Amino acid sequence: MKNYDLKHIAFHVLVGLYFIWLLLFCILLSIAINNVLESKTPDIAGLLLLWISLNFVMGTLLFVVIQLFRNRSLLGRVILYSYGGLTVAAVITVFLIMNKV
């Protein structure tokens, strides 16, 4: 039986939290884009903007902490590229919301 240290366990917990955040942030962005395109409830746009900004800060903090582990494997690249892509999507969504409001 292998002995795992706490750093290894913390890394896997953080990666798990990152992928959960990734899924939830994608859902939040899709709700925001759907709201902007259909404009059924324009009052909720400000609330969605707040949620996007708070979730983006939380995801950035998770990303920074994971990067402190200096993981240079395939998982590290997947996290890096998924975070970059989601950052671009979040900025585009925020610009769409700001132009619509």
N, C-alpha and C. Protein backbone atom coordinates (compact mmCIF):
# COMPACT_ATOMS: atom_id res chain seq x y z
N MET A 1 0.84 -1.18 0.00
CA MET A 1 0.00 0.00 0.00
C MET A 1 0.88 1.25 0.00
N LYS A 2 0.54 2.20 -0.86
CA LYS A 2 1.33 3.41 -0.95
C LYS A 2 0.95 4.40 0.13
N ASN A 3 1.93 5.18 0.53
CA ASN A 3 1.69 6.27 1.45
C ASN A 3 1.55 7.55 0.65
N TYR A 4 0.44 8.24 0.80
CA TYR A 4 0.22 9.50 0.12
C TYR A 4 0.41 10.63 1.12
N ASP A 5 1.10 11.65 0.70
CA ASP A 5 1.29 12.79 1.58
C ASP A 5 0.12 13.76 1.44
N LEU A 6 0.04 14.72 2.33
CA LEU A 6 -1.07 15.66 2.35
C LEU A 6 -1.05 16.59 1.13
N LYS A 7 0.14 16.89 0.60
CA LYS A 7 0.24 17.74 -0.57
C LYS A 7 -0.43 17.07 -1.78
N HIS A 8 -0.23 15.78 -1.92
CA HIS A 8 -0.82 15.03 -3.02
C HIS A 8 -2.35 15.01 -2.89
N ILE A 9 -2.84 14.78 -1.70
CA ILE A 9 -4.28 14.75 -1.47
C ILE A 9 -4.88 16.14 -1.71
N ALA A 10 -4.21 17.19 -1.24
CA ALA A 10 -4.70 18.56 -1.43
C ALA A 10 -4.76 18.90 -2.92
N PHE A 11 -3.77 18.46 -3.68
CA PHE A 11 -3.76 18.73 -5.12
C PHE A 11 -4.98 18.10 -5.78
N HIS A 12 -5.28 16.85 -5.46
CA HIS A 12 -6.41 16.18 -6.08
C HIS A 12 -7.74 16.80 -5.65
N VAL A 13 -7.84 17.23 -4.41
CA VAL A 13 -9.06 17.90 -3.96
C VAL A 13 -9.25 19.21 -4.72
N LEU A 14 -8.16 19.98 -4.87
CA LEU A 14 -8.25 21.24 -5.60
C LEU A 14 -8.60 21.04 -7.07
N VAL A 15 -8.04 20.02 -7.68
CA VAL A 15 -8.36 19.73 -9.08
C VAL A 15 -9.84 19.32 -9.21
N GLY A 16 -10.32 18.54 -8.26
CA GLY A 16 -11.74 18.18 -8.26
C GLY A 16 -12.63 19.40 -8.11
N LEU A 17 -12.28 20.29 -7.20
CA LEU A 17 -13.04 21.53 -7.02
C LEU A 17 -12.98 22.40 -8.28
N TYR A 18 -11.83 22.40 -8.94
CA TYR A 18 -11.69 23.20 -10.17
C TYR A 18 -12.64 22.70 -11.25
N PHE A 19 -12.72 21.39 -11.44
CA PHE A 19 -13.58 20.87 -12.50
C PHE A 19 -15.06 21.03 -12.15
N ILE A 20 -15.41 20.98 -10.87
CA ILE A 20 -16.78 21.29 -10.46
C ILE A 20 -17.08 22.76 -10.75
N TRP A 21 -16.13 23.64 -10.41
CA TRP A 21 -16.31 25.07 -10.70
C TRP A 21 -16.43 25.30 -12.20
N LEU A 22 -15.63 24.61 -12.98
CA LEU A 22 -15.66 24.75 -14.43
C LEU A 22 -17.05 24.43 -14.98
N LEU A 23 -17.63 23.35 -14.54
CA LEU A 23 -18.96 22.96 -14.99
C LEU A 23 -20.00 24.00 -14.58
N LEU A 24 -19.97 24.42 -13.32
CA LEU A 24 -20.96 25.38 -12.84
C LEU A 24 -20.80 26.74 -13.51
N PHE A 25 -19.56 27.15 -13.78
CA PHE A 25 -19.34 28.44 -14.43
C PHE A 25 -19.81 28.40 -15.88
N CYS A 26 -19.63 27.26 -16.55
CA CYS A 26 -20.15 27.12 -17.92
C CYS A 26 -21.67 27.22 -17.92
N ILE A 27 -22.32 26.60 -16.94
CA ILE A 27 -23.77 26.69 -16.84
C ILE A 27 -24.21 28.12 -16.59
N LEU A 28 -23.50 28.83 -15.70
CA LEU A 28 -23.82 30.23 -15.41
C LEU A 28 -23.66 31.10 -16.65
N LEU A 29 -22.59 30.90 -17.40
CA LEU A 29 -22.39 31.68 -18.62
C LEU A 29 -23.47 31.38 -19.66
N SER A 30 -23.88 30.12 -19.75
CA SER A 30 -24.93 29.80 -20.72
C SER A 30 -26.27 30.41 -20.31
N ILE A 31 -26.55 30.45 -19.01
CA ILE A 31 -27.77 31.11 -18.54
C ILE A 31 -27.72 32.60 -18.87
N ALA A 32 -26.56 33.22 -18.66
CA ALA A 32 -26.41 34.64 -18.94
C ALA A 32 -26.56 34.94 -20.43
N ILE A 33 -25.95 34.12 -21.28
CA ILE A 33 -26.07 34.33 -22.72
C ILE A 33 -27.50 34.12 -23.18
N ASN A 34 -28.15 33.10 -22.63
CA ASN A 34 -29.56 32.85 -22.97
C ASN A 34 -30.43 34.04 -22.55
N ASN A 35 -30.15 34.60 -21.39
CA ASN A 35 -30.91 35.75 -20.91
C ASN A 35 -30.69 36.97 -21.81
N VAL A 36 -29.47 37.17 -22.25
CA VAL A 36 -29.17 38.32 -23.11
C VAL A 36 -29.83 38.15 -24.47
N LEU A 37 -29.77 36.97 -25.04
CA LEU A 37 -30.31 36.76 -26.38
C LEU A 37 -31.83 36.78 -26.41
N GLU A 38 -32.48 36.23 -25.40
CA GLU A 38 -33.93 36.19 -25.40
C GLU A 38 -34.56 37.39 -24.72
N SER A 39 -33.84 38.02 -23.81
CA SER A 39 -34.28 39.24 -23.12
C SER A 39 -35.65 39.12 -22.48
N LYS A 40 -35.94 37.95 -21.93
CA LYS A 40 -37.22 37.78 -21.25
C LYS A 40 -37.24 38.52 -19.92
N THR A 41 -36.11 38.49 -19.20
CA THR A 41 -36.04 39.17 -17.91
C THR A 41 -34.79 40.04 -17.87
N PRO A 42 -34.89 41.27 -18.34
CA PRO A 42 -33.70 42.14 -18.36
C PRO A 42 -33.27 42.58 -16.97
N ASP A 43 -34.15 42.46 -15.97
CA ASP A 43 -33.80 42.87 -14.61
C ASP A 43 -32.75 41.96 -13.99
N ILE A 44 -32.68 40.74 -14.43
CA ILE A 44 -31.76 39.77 -13.84
C ILE A 44 -30.33 39.92 -14.36
N ALA A 45 -30.12 40.74 -15.37
CA ALA A 45 -28.80 40.89 -15.98
C ALA A 45 -27.77 41.41 -14.99
N GLY A 46 -28.15 42.35 -14.15
CA GLY A 46 -27.23 42.88 -13.13
C GLY A 46 -26.83 41.82 -12.13
N LEU A 47 -27.78 40.99 -11.75
CA LEU A 47 -27.49 39.90 -10.82
C LEU A 47 -26.57 38.87 -11.46
N LEU A 48 -26.82 38.55 -12.70
CA LEU A 48 -25.95 37.61 -13.42
C LEU A 48 -24.53 38.16 -13.56
N LEU A 49 -24.43 39.47 -13.77
CA LEU A 49 -23.11 40.11 -13.87
C LEU A 49 -22.35 39.98 -12.56
N LEU A 50 -23.04 40.16 -11.45
CA LEU A 50 -22.43 40.00 -10.13
C LEU A 50 -21.99 38.55 -9.91
N TRP A 51 -22.84 37.60 -10.25
CA TRP A 51 -22.50 36.18 -10.08
C TRP A 51 -21.31 35.79 -10.94
N ILE A 52 -21.28 36.29 -12.16
CA ILE A 52 -20.15 35.98 -13.05
C ILE A 52 -18.86 36.52 -12.48
N SER A 53 -18.89 37.75 -11.99
CA SER A 53 -17.66 38.34 -11.45
C SER A 53 -17.19 37.61 -10.19
N LEU A 54 -18.11 37.26 -9.30
CA LEU A 54 -17.71 36.54 -8.09
C LEU A 54 -17.19 35.14 -8.41
N ASN A 55 -17.86 34.46 -9.33
CA ASN A 55 -17.40 33.13 -9.72
C ASN A 55 -16.08 33.19 -10.45
N PHE A 56 -15.86 34.24 -11.23
CA PHE A 56 -14.59 34.39 -11.92
C PHE A 56 -13.44 34.59 -10.93
N VAL A 57 -13.69 35.36 -9.88
CA VAL A 57 -12.67 35.55 -8.84
C VAL A 57 -12.37 34.23 -8.14
N MET A 58 -13.40 33.47 -7.81
CA MET A 58 -13.18 32.18 -7.15
C MET A 58 -12.43 31.21 -8.05
N GLY A 59 -12.77 31.18 -9.32
CA GLY A 59 -12.06 30.31 -10.25
C GLY A 59 -10.62 30.73 -10.45
N THR A 60 -10.38 32.03 -10.46
CA THR A 60 -9.01 32.52 -10.60
C THR A 60 -8.18 32.12 -9.39
N LEU A 61 -8.76 32.22 -8.22
CA LEU A 61 -8.04 31.80 -7.01
C LEU A 61 -7.73 30.30 -7.03
N LEU A 62 -8.70 29.50 -7.46
CA LEU A 62 -8.45 28.06 -7.59
C LEU A 62 -7.34 27.79 -8.61
N PHE A 63 -7.38 28.48 -9.73
CA PHE A 63 -6.38 28.31 -10.78
C PHE A 63 -4.99 28.68 -10.27
N VAL A 64 -4.88 29.79 -9.56
CA VAL A 64 -3.59 30.24 -9.05
C VAL A 64 -3.02 29.24 -8.05
N VAL A 65 -3.87 28.74 -7.17
CA VAL A 65 -3.39 27.77 -6.17
C VAL A 65 -2.96 26.48 -6.85
N ILE A 66 -3.70 26.03 -7.85
CA ILE A 66 -3.30 24.82 -8.56
C ILE A 66 -1.99 25.04 -9.30
N GLN A 67 -1.79 26.23 -9.86
CA GLN A 67 -0.54 26.53 -10.56
C GLN A 67 0.66 26.57 -9.61
N LEU A 68 0.42 26.81 -8.33
CA LEU A 68 1.52 26.79 -7.36
C LEU A 68 2.14 25.40 -7.20
N PHE A 69 1.39 24.37 -7.56
CA PHE A 69 1.91 23.01 -7.48
C PHE A 69 2.89 22.70 -8.62
N ARG A 70 2.95 23.55 -9.63
CA ARG A 70 3.85 23.42 -10.78
C ARG A 70 3.71 22.06 -11.48
N ASN A 71 2.48 21.70 -11.75
CA ASN A 71 2.19 20.45 -12.43
C ASN A 71 2.36 20.66 -13.93
N ARG A 72 3.33 20.01 -14.54
CA ARG A 72 3.63 20.18 -15.96
C ARG A 72 3.16 19.00 -16.81
N SER A 73 2.19 18.28 -16.32
CA SER A 73 1.70 17.12 -17.06
C SER A 73 0.54 17.53 -17.97
N LEU A 74 -0.11 16.55 -18.56
CA LEU A 74 -1.26 16.79 -19.41
C LEU A 74 -2.38 17.47 -18.63
N LEU A 75 -2.56 17.07 -17.39
CA LEU A 75 -3.59 17.68 -16.55
C LEU A 75 -3.34 19.17 -16.35
N GLY A 76 -2.10 19.55 -16.18
CA GLY A 76 -1.76 20.96 -16.03
C GLY A 76 -2.10 21.76 -17.27
N ARG A 77 -1.84 21.18 -18.44
CA ARG A 77 -2.18 21.87 -19.69
C ARG A 77 -3.68 21.96 -19.90
N VAL A 78 -4.41 20.88 -19.52
CA VAL A 78 -5.87 20.90 -19.64
C VAL A 78 -6.45 22.01 -18.76
N ILE A 79 -5.94 22.13 -17.55
CA ILE A 79 -6.42 23.17 -16.64
C ILE A 79 -6.07 24.54 -17.19
N LEU A 80 -4.87 24.71 -17.70
CA LEU A 80 -4.44 26.00 -18.25
C LEU A 80 -5.30 26.43 -19.43
N TYR A 81 -5.51 25.53 -20.39
CA TYR A 81 -6.28 25.88 -21.58
C TYR A 81 -7.77 26.03 -21.29
N SER A 82 -8.31 25.22 -20.40
CA SER A 82 -9.73 25.37 -20.06
C SER A 82 -9.96 26.68 -19.32
N TYR A 83 -9.04 27.07 -18.45
CA TYR A 83 -9.18 28.34 -17.76
C TYR A 83 -9.06 29.51 -18.75
N GLY A 84 -8.13 29.43 -19.67
CA GLY A 84 -7.97 30.49 -20.67
C GLY A 84 -9.20 30.62 -21.55
N GLY A 85 -9.73 29.50 -21.99
CA GLY A 85 -10.93 29.53 -22.82
C GLY A 85 -12.14 30.07 -22.08
N LEU A 86 -12.27 29.67 -20.83
CA LEU A 86 -13.39 30.15 -20.04
C LEU A 86 -13.25 31.62 -19.70
N THR A 87 -12.02 32.10 -19.57
CA THR A 87 -11.79 33.53 -19.34
C THR A 87 -12.25 34.35 -20.54
N VAL A 88 -11.91 33.89 -21.72
CA VAL A 88 -12.35 34.58 -22.94
C VAL A 88 -13.87 34.56 -23.04
N ALA A 89 -14.48 33.42 -22.75
CA ALA A 89 -15.94 33.31 -22.81
C ALA A 89 -16.60 34.22 -21.78
N ALA A 90 -16.01 34.33 -20.59
CA ALA A 90 -16.58 35.20 -19.56
C ALA A 90 -16.49 36.66 -19.95
N VAL A 91 -15.37 37.06 -20.53
CA VAL A 91 -15.21 38.47 -20.96
C VAL A 91 -16.20 38.80 -22.07
N ILE A 92 -16.38 37.91 -23.01
CA ILE A 92 -17.34 38.13 -24.09
C ILE A 92 -18.76 38.22 -23.53
N THR A 93 -19.08 37.35 -22.58
CA THR A 93 -20.42 37.37 -21.97
C THR A 93 -20.65 38.67 -21.21
N VAL A 94 -19.65 39.12 -20.47
CA VAL A 94 -19.79 40.38 -19.73
C VAL A 94 -19.99 41.55 -20.71
N PHE A 95 -19.27 41.56 -21.82
CA PHE A 95 -19.46 42.62 -22.80
C PHE A 95 -20.85 42.57 -23.42
N LEU A 96 -21.37 41.35 -23.67
CA LEU A 96 -22.72 41.22 -24.19
C LEU A 96 -23.74 41.77 -23.20
N ILE A 97 -23.56 41.44 -21.93
CA ILE A 97 -24.49 41.93 -20.91
C ILE A 97 -24.42 43.44 -20.78
N MET A 98 -23.20 43.96 -20.78
CA MET A 98 -23.04 45.42 -20.63
C MET A 98 -23.63 46.18 -21.83
N ASN A 99 -23.54 45.63 -23.02
CA ASN A 99 -24.11 46.29 -24.19
C ASN A 99 -25.63 46.19 -24.23
N LYS A 100 -26.17 45.14 -23.63
CA LYS A 100 -27.61 44.93 -23.65
C LYS A 100 -28.31 45.76 -22.57
N VAL A 101 -27.63 46.01 -21.46
CA VAL A 101 -28.25 46.73 -20.34
C VAL A 101 -28.23 48.19 -20.53
